[in-house]
N, C-alpha and C. Protein backbone atom coordinates (compact mmCIF):
# COMPACT_ATOMS: atom_id res chain seq x y z
N UNK A 1 1.07 15.54 0.03
CA UNK A 1 0.07 15.33 1.07
C UNK A 1 -1.30 15.59 0.46
N UNK A 2 -2.22 14.66 0.69
CA UNK A 2 -3.56 14.78 0.13
C UNK A 2 -4.34 15.81 0.96
N UNK A 3 -5.21 16.54 0.22
CA UNK A 3 -5.98 17.61 0.82
C UNK A 3 -7.42 17.18 1.06
N UNK A 4 -7.92 17.45 2.24
CA UNK A 4 -9.33 17.13 2.60
C UNK A 4 -10.08 18.42 2.98
N UNK A 5 -11.26 18.56 2.40
CA UNK A 5 -12.17 19.64 2.75
C UNK A 5 -13.16 19.04 3.74
N UNK A 6 -13.07 19.46 5.00
CA UNK A 6 -13.98 19.04 6.04
C UNK A 6 -15.12 20.00 6.11
N UNK A 7 -16.32 19.51 5.92
CA UNK A 7 -17.52 20.36 5.95
C UNK A 7 -18.32 20.02 7.22
N UNK A 8 -18.29 20.91 8.16
CA UNK A 8 -18.88 20.65 9.47
C UNK A 8 -19.25 21.94 10.15
N UNK A 9 -20.40 22.03 10.81
CA UNK A 9 -20.81 23.24 11.47
C UNK A 9 -20.55 23.28 12.99
N UNK A 10 -20.30 22.13 13.61
CA UNK A 10 -20.13 22.11 15.07
C UNK A 10 -18.61 22.31 15.40
N UNK A 11 -18.31 23.40 16.17
CA UNK A 11 -16.90 23.72 16.45
C UNK A 11 -16.17 22.59 17.19
N UNK A 12 -16.75 21.94 18.10
CA UNK A 12 -16.03 20.88 18.80
C UNK A 12 -15.76 19.68 17.89
N UNK A 13 -16.75 19.37 17.00
CA UNK A 13 -16.53 18.28 16.03
C UNK A 13 -15.45 18.64 15.03
N UNK A 14 -15.47 19.91 14.60
CA UNK A 14 -14.38 20.39 13.71
C UNK A 14 -13.01 20.15 14.34
N UNK A 15 -12.88 20.54 15.59
CA UNK A 15 -11.62 20.46 16.26
C UNK A 15 -11.11 18.99 16.33
N UNK A 16 -12.04 18.10 16.76
CA UNK A 16 -11.63 16.68 16.86
C UNK A 16 -11.34 16.08 15.52
N UNK A 17 -12.22 16.30 14.51
CA UNK A 17 -12.03 15.66 13.24
C UNK A 17 -10.79 16.24 12.53
N UNK A 18 -10.53 17.55 12.70
CA UNK A 18 -9.34 18.14 12.06
C UNK A 18 -8.07 17.52 12.63
N UNK A 19 -8.09 17.35 13.95
CA UNK A 19 -6.91 16.70 14.61
C UNK A 19 -6.73 15.26 14.09
N UNK A 20 -7.84 14.53 14.04
CA UNK A 20 -7.75 13.12 13.57
C UNK A 20 -7.28 13.05 12.16
N UNK A 21 -7.77 13.94 11.30
CA UNK A 21 -7.34 13.91 9.89
C UNK A 21 -5.88 14.28 9.74
N UNK A 22 -5.40 15.25 10.53
CA UNK A 22 -4.02 15.64 10.51
C UNK A 22 -3.12 14.51 10.95
N UNK A 23 -3.53 13.80 12.04
CA UNK A 23 -2.78 12.61 12.50
C UNK A 23 -2.70 11.56 11.41
N UNK A 24 -3.75 11.43 10.62
CA UNK A 24 -3.77 10.46 9.53
C UNK A 24 -2.98 10.94 8.33
N UNK A 25 -2.44 12.20 8.38
CA UNK A 25 -1.57 12.65 7.37
C UNK A 25 -2.19 13.54 6.25
N UNK A 26 -3.38 14.09 6.54
CA UNK A 26 -4.05 14.90 5.53
C UNK A 26 -3.91 16.40 5.86
N UNK A 27 -3.86 17.17 4.83
CA UNK A 27 -3.90 18.65 4.93
C UNK A 27 -5.38 18.99 4.92
N UNK A 28 -5.88 19.69 5.96
CA UNK A 28 -7.29 19.92 6.19
C UNK A 28 -7.67 21.40 6.01
N UNK A 29 -8.72 21.62 5.24
CA UNK A 29 -9.39 22.92 5.09
C UNK A 29 -10.82 22.71 5.58
N UNK A 30 -11.40 23.76 6.23
CA UNK A 30 -12.70 23.60 6.80
C UNK A 30 -13.71 24.55 6.20
N UNK A 31 -14.89 24.01 5.86
CA UNK A 31 -16.05 24.82 5.45
C UNK A 31 -17.11 24.55 6.53
N UNK A 32 -17.84 25.62 6.94
CA UNK A 32 -18.74 25.48 8.06
C UNK A 32 -20.20 25.38 7.64
N UNK A 33 -20.52 25.32 6.39
CA UNK A 33 -21.85 25.05 5.90
C UNK A 33 -21.81 24.65 4.43
N UNK A 34 -22.95 24.27 3.91
CA UNK A 34 -23.00 23.79 2.51
C UNK A 34 -22.62 24.82 1.49
N UNK A 35 -22.95 26.06 1.70
CA UNK A 35 -22.62 27.11 0.74
C UNK A 35 -21.11 27.24 0.67
N UNK A 36 -20.45 27.35 1.81
CA UNK A 36 -19.01 27.41 1.84
C UNK A 36 -18.38 26.18 1.16
N UNK A 37 -18.99 25.04 1.38
CA UNK A 37 -18.48 23.78 0.82
C UNK A 37 -18.46 23.81 -0.68
N UNK A 38 -19.56 24.29 -1.28
CA UNK A 38 -19.67 24.35 -2.75
C UNK A 38 -18.59 25.34 -3.31
N UNK A 39 -18.47 26.45 -2.68
CA UNK A 39 -17.50 27.48 -3.14
C UNK A 39 -16.09 26.97 -2.99
N UNK A 40 -15.76 26.37 -1.78
CA UNK A 40 -14.40 25.93 -1.52
C UNK A 40 -14.05 24.68 -2.33
N UNK A 41 -14.99 23.86 -2.62
CA UNK A 41 -14.71 22.66 -3.44
C UNK A 41 -14.19 23.13 -4.82
N UNK A 42 -14.81 24.15 -5.38
CA UNK A 42 -14.42 24.64 -6.69
C UNK A 42 -13.09 25.39 -6.64
N UNK A 43 -12.82 26.19 -5.58
CA UNK A 43 -11.61 26.95 -5.49
C UNK A 43 -10.43 26.12 -5.00
N UNK A 44 -10.66 25.19 -4.09
CA UNK A 44 -9.54 24.45 -3.49
C UNK A 44 -9.28 23.12 -4.23
N UNK A 45 -10.25 22.54 -4.88
CA UNK A 45 -10.14 21.25 -5.52
C UNK A 45 -9.45 20.18 -4.66
N UNK A 46 -10.08 19.89 -3.51
CA UNK A 46 -9.47 18.93 -2.61
C UNK A 46 -9.46 17.51 -3.19
N UNK A 47 -8.70 16.63 -2.58
CA UNK A 47 -8.68 15.22 -2.98
C UNK A 47 -9.90 14.49 -2.44
N UNK A 48 -10.48 15.01 -1.39
CA UNK A 48 -11.62 14.38 -0.72
C UNK A 48 -12.42 15.41 -0.01
N UNK A 49 -13.75 15.23 0.07
CA UNK A 49 -14.58 16.09 0.89
C UNK A 49 -15.26 15.17 1.93
N UNK A 50 -15.21 15.60 3.17
CA UNK A 50 -15.96 14.91 4.22
C UNK A 50 -17.12 15.82 4.56
N UNK A 51 -18.32 15.36 4.28
CA UNK A 51 -19.51 16.24 4.31
C UNK A 51 -20.46 15.86 5.42
N UNK A 52 -20.67 16.81 6.36
CA UNK A 52 -21.77 16.66 7.33
C UNK A 52 -23.06 16.84 6.55
N UNK A 53 -24.10 16.22 6.97
CA UNK A 53 -25.38 16.31 6.27
C UNK A 53 -26.31 17.37 6.81
N UNK A 54 -26.37 17.48 8.13
CA UNK A 54 -27.27 18.42 8.77
C UNK A 54 -26.49 19.67 9.16
N UNK A 55 -26.69 20.73 8.34
CA UNK A 55 -26.01 22.01 8.56
C UNK A 55 -26.93 23.15 8.25
N UNK A 56 -26.56 24.37 8.78
CA UNK A 56 -27.36 25.53 8.44
C UNK A 56 -27.04 26.05 7.03
N UNK A 57 -27.87 26.92 6.56
CA UNK A 57 -27.75 27.63 5.24
C UNK A 57 -27.95 26.73 4.07
N UNK A 58 -27.29 25.58 4.02
CA UNK A 58 -27.50 24.57 2.96
C UNK A 58 -27.04 23.24 3.52
N UNK A 59 -27.93 22.26 3.46
CA UNK A 59 -27.54 20.93 4.03
C UNK A 59 -26.58 20.21 3.13
N UNK A 60 -26.00 19.14 3.64
CA UNK A 60 -24.93 18.41 2.95
C UNK A 60 -25.40 17.71 1.72
N UNK A 61 -26.68 17.26 1.70
CA UNK A 61 -27.19 16.57 0.53
C UNK A 61 -27.27 17.53 -0.67
N UNK A 62 -27.80 18.76 -0.40
CA UNK A 62 -27.89 19.75 -1.45
C UNK A 62 -26.49 20.19 -1.92
N UNK A 63 -25.59 20.38 -0.99
CA UNK A 63 -24.22 20.76 -1.38
C UNK A 63 -23.58 19.64 -2.17
N UNK A 64 -23.82 18.40 -1.78
CA UNK A 64 -23.21 17.27 -2.54
C UNK A 64 -23.73 17.24 -3.93
N UNK A 65 -25.05 17.47 -4.14
CA UNK A 65 -25.61 17.47 -5.46
C UNK A 65 -25.00 18.57 -6.34
N UNK A 66 -24.84 19.74 -5.77
CA UNK A 66 -24.24 20.87 -6.53
C UNK A 66 -22.79 20.58 -6.84
N UNK A 67 -22.05 19.98 -5.94
CA UNK A 67 -20.64 19.67 -6.23
C UNK A 67 -20.59 18.59 -7.29
N UNK A 68 -21.44 17.59 -7.19
CA UNK A 68 -21.46 16.46 -8.12
C UNK A 68 -21.88 16.92 -9.54
N UNK A 69 -22.76 17.94 -9.59
CA UNK A 69 -23.28 18.41 -10.93
C UNK A 69 -22.33 19.45 -11.60
N UNK A 70 -21.29 19.87 -10.91
CA UNK A 70 -20.39 20.91 -11.45
C UNK A 70 -19.24 20.13 -12.14
N UNK A 71 -19.02 20.35 -13.45
CA UNK A 71 -17.94 19.62 -14.17
C UNK A 71 -16.58 19.80 -13.48
N UNK A 72 -16.34 20.95 -12.91
CA UNK A 72 -15.06 21.25 -12.25
C UNK A 72 -14.84 20.42 -10.99
N UNK A 73 -15.91 20.05 -10.29
CA UNK A 73 -15.79 19.35 -8.99
C UNK A 73 -16.38 17.93 -8.97
N UNK A 74 -17.02 17.53 -10.03
CA UNK A 74 -17.77 16.24 -9.98
C UNK A 74 -16.93 15.03 -9.68
N UNK A 75 -15.61 15.10 -9.97
CA UNK A 75 -14.75 13.92 -9.75
C UNK A 75 -14.23 13.85 -8.30
N UNK A 76 -14.50 14.85 -7.48
CA UNK A 76 -13.99 14.87 -6.11
C UNK A 76 -14.85 13.91 -5.30
N UNK A 77 -14.25 12.84 -4.67
CA UNK A 77 -15.04 11.94 -3.87
C UNK A 77 -15.54 12.60 -2.60
N UNK A 78 -16.77 12.26 -2.20
CA UNK A 78 -17.39 12.81 -1.00
C UNK A 78 -17.75 11.71 -0.05
N UNK A 79 -17.34 11.84 1.21
CA UNK A 79 -17.69 10.90 2.27
C UNK A 79 -18.66 11.63 3.19
N UNK A 80 -19.90 11.08 3.29
CA UNK A 80 -20.91 11.64 4.20
C UNK A 80 -20.50 11.15 5.61
N UNK A 81 -20.46 12.15 6.53
CA UNK A 81 -20.19 11.82 7.93
C UNK A 81 -21.27 12.50 8.76
N UNK A 82 -22.18 11.71 9.32
CA UNK A 82 -23.33 12.29 9.91
C UNK A 82 -23.85 11.54 11.12
N UNK A 83 -24.55 12.21 12.01
CA UNK A 83 -25.20 11.51 13.12
C UNK A 83 -26.52 10.87 12.62
N UNK A 84 -26.93 11.22 11.48
CA UNK A 84 -28.15 10.56 10.87
C UNK A 84 -27.85 9.10 10.55
N UNK A 85 -28.40 8.29 11.38
CA UNK A 85 -28.15 6.84 11.10
C UNK A 85 -29.51 6.11 11.09
N UNK A 86 -30.49 6.75 10.53
CA UNK A 86 -31.81 6.15 10.40
C UNK A 86 -31.87 5.32 9.14
N UNK A 87 -32.78 4.34 9.13
CA UNK A 87 -32.90 3.52 7.92
C UNK A 87 -33.19 4.42 6.69
N UNK A 88 -32.42 4.19 5.67
CA UNK A 88 -32.59 4.96 4.43
C UNK A 88 -31.67 6.16 4.30
N UNK A 89 -31.03 6.59 5.40
CA UNK A 89 -30.12 7.77 5.37
C UNK A 89 -28.91 7.49 4.47
N UNK A 90 -28.31 6.31 4.60
CA UNK A 90 -27.18 6.02 3.77
C UNK A 90 -27.54 6.04 2.30
N UNK A 91 -28.67 5.49 1.95
CA UNK A 91 -29.12 5.48 0.57
C UNK A 91 -29.33 6.90 0.04
N UNK A 92 -29.89 7.79 0.89
CA UNK A 92 -30.09 9.19 0.50
C UNK A 92 -28.74 9.86 0.17
N UNK A 93 -27.79 9.58 1.02
CA UNK A 93 -26.46 10.20 0.79
C UNK A 93 -25.80 9.66 -0.51
N UNK A 94 -25.93 8.39 -0.72
CA UNK A 94 -25.35 7.81 -1.93
C UNK A 94 -26.07 8.32 -3.18
N UNK A 95 -27.40 8.40 -3.09
CA UNK A 95 -28.19 8.95 -4.21
C UNK A 95 -27.82 10.40 -4.55
N UNK A 96 -27.47 11.17 -3.51
CA UNK A 96 -27.10 12.56 -3.71
C UNK A 96 -25.73 12.69 -4.41
N UNK A 97 -24.96 11.59 -4.33
CA UNK A 97 -23.64 11.64 -5.00
C UNK A 97 -22.46 11.36 -4.07
N UNK A 98 -22.73 11.06 -2.81
CA UNK A 98 -21.65 10.65 -1.88
C UNK A 98 -21.07 9.33 -2.33
N UNK A 99 -19.81 9.17 -2.10
CA UNK A 99 -19.11 7.89 -2.47
C UNK A 99 -19.01 6.95 -1.29
N UNK A 100 -19.35 7.45 -0.11
CA UNK A 100 -19.28 6.61 1.10
C UNK A 100 -20.04 7.29 2.23
N UNK A 101 -20.20 6.54 3.33
CA UNK A 101 -21.02 7.03 4.47
C UNK A 101 -20.45 6.48 5.71
N UNK A 102 -20.33 7.35 6.76
CA UNK A 102 -19.85 6.94 8.06
C UNK A 102 -20.72 7.63 9.11
N UNK A 103 -21.20 6.89 10.08
CA UNK A 103 -22.05 7.46 11.13
C UNK A 103 -21.23 7.91 12.31
N UNK A 104 -21.57 9.12 12.80
CA UNK A 104 -20.90 9.64 13.97
C UNK A 104 -21.54 9.03 15.20
N UNK A 105 -20.85 8.87 16.26
CA UNK A 105 -19.41 9.07 16.43
C UNK A 105 -18.63 7.88 15.87
N UNK A 106 -17.41 8.17 15.48
CA UNK A 106 -16.54 7.15 14.91
C UNK A 106 -15.14 7.40 15.43
N UNK A 107 -14.32 6.35 15.36
CA UNK A 107 -12.94 6.49 15.78
C UNK A 107 -12.09 6.95 14.61
N UNK A 108 -10.87 7.37 14.85
CA UNK A 108 -9.98 7.76 13.79
C UNK A 108 -9.65 6.53 12.92
N UNK A 109 -9.68 5.35 13.50
CA UNK A 109 -9.43 4.14 12.73
C UNK A 109 -10.56 3.93 11.75
N UNK A 110 -11.82 4.11 12.20
CA UNK A 110 -12.95 3.98 11.27
C UNK A 110 -12.89 5.06 10.18
N UNK A 111 -12.56 6.27 10.57
CA UNK A 111 -12.48 7.34 9.61
C UNK A 111 -11.38 7.05 8.61
N UNK A 112 -10.20 6.62 9.06
CA UNK A 112 -9.13 6.33 8.14
C UNK A 112 -9.48 5.20 7.16
N UNK A 113 -10.19 4.19 7.67
CA UNK A 113 -10.59 3.09 6.80
C UNK A 113 -11.61 3.53 5.76
N UNK A 114 -12.54 4.38 6.16
CA UNK A 114 -13.54 4.89 5.21
C UNK A 114 -12.92 5.74 4.12
N UNK A 115 -11.95 6.62 4.53
CA UNK A 115 -11.25 7.42 3.57
C UNK A 115 -10.48 6.56 2.61
N UNK A 116 -9.73 5.64 3.12
CA UNK A 116 -8.89 4.78 2.31
C UNK A 116 -9.72 4.01 1.27
N UNK A 117 -10.86 3.51 1.73
CA UNK A 117 -11.75 2.75 0.85
C UNK A 117 -12.19 3.65 -0.32
N UNK A 118 -12.49 4.91 -0.06
CA UNK A 118 -12.93 5.78 -1.13
C UNK A 118 -11.80 6.19 -2.04
N UNK A 119 -10.66 6.56 -1.46
CA UNK A 119 -9.55 7.06 -2.26
C UNK A 119 -8.91 5.94 -3.10
N UNK A 120 -8.93 4.71 -2.62
CA UNK A 120 -8.37 3.58 -3.33
C UNK A 120 -9.27 3.22 -4.51
N UNK A 121 -10.57 3.39 -4.35
CA UNK A 121 -11.50 3.00 -5.47
C UNK A 121 -11.59 4.10 -6.53
N UNK A 122 -11.08 5.27 -6.24
CA UNK A 122 -11.18 6.37 -7.22
C UNK A 122 -10.09 6.26 -8.27
C-alpha cells in the first residue's frame, strides 16, 4: 500500500481528504503545518506528499522547497492542493518544487487522477 503524507491545517478538510485517500487505497499520515511536513517527510519517507499551501508556522511553498532541497526527501513527489487558484499560483507551486497542482474543492475522482498522474510519471 502506498503511503501519503497529507499536509493540511483545517480539521474538516483533513477528515474529508483522509477518508477520500483511504477509499482510493492509500495509507495516510497527517502533518498539520509546514514544519511538521518537513520533519515527517524525512522520518516517514512517504510515496507522495499532498501539500496545502496556506498554513500557519510555515507555508506549503517554503516546506516544499525545504523537502525538495533535502537529499533524503528530494525524490518524493509533491502535489499542491490549495484554495489558491489565482493566476500565477500554479506556477509558484511548480517553481517551489511541486510536481502537480489541484485547486480545492475537488472530488475524489479529481484527486485520484492527479495522484495517478504524478505517481505514474515518477
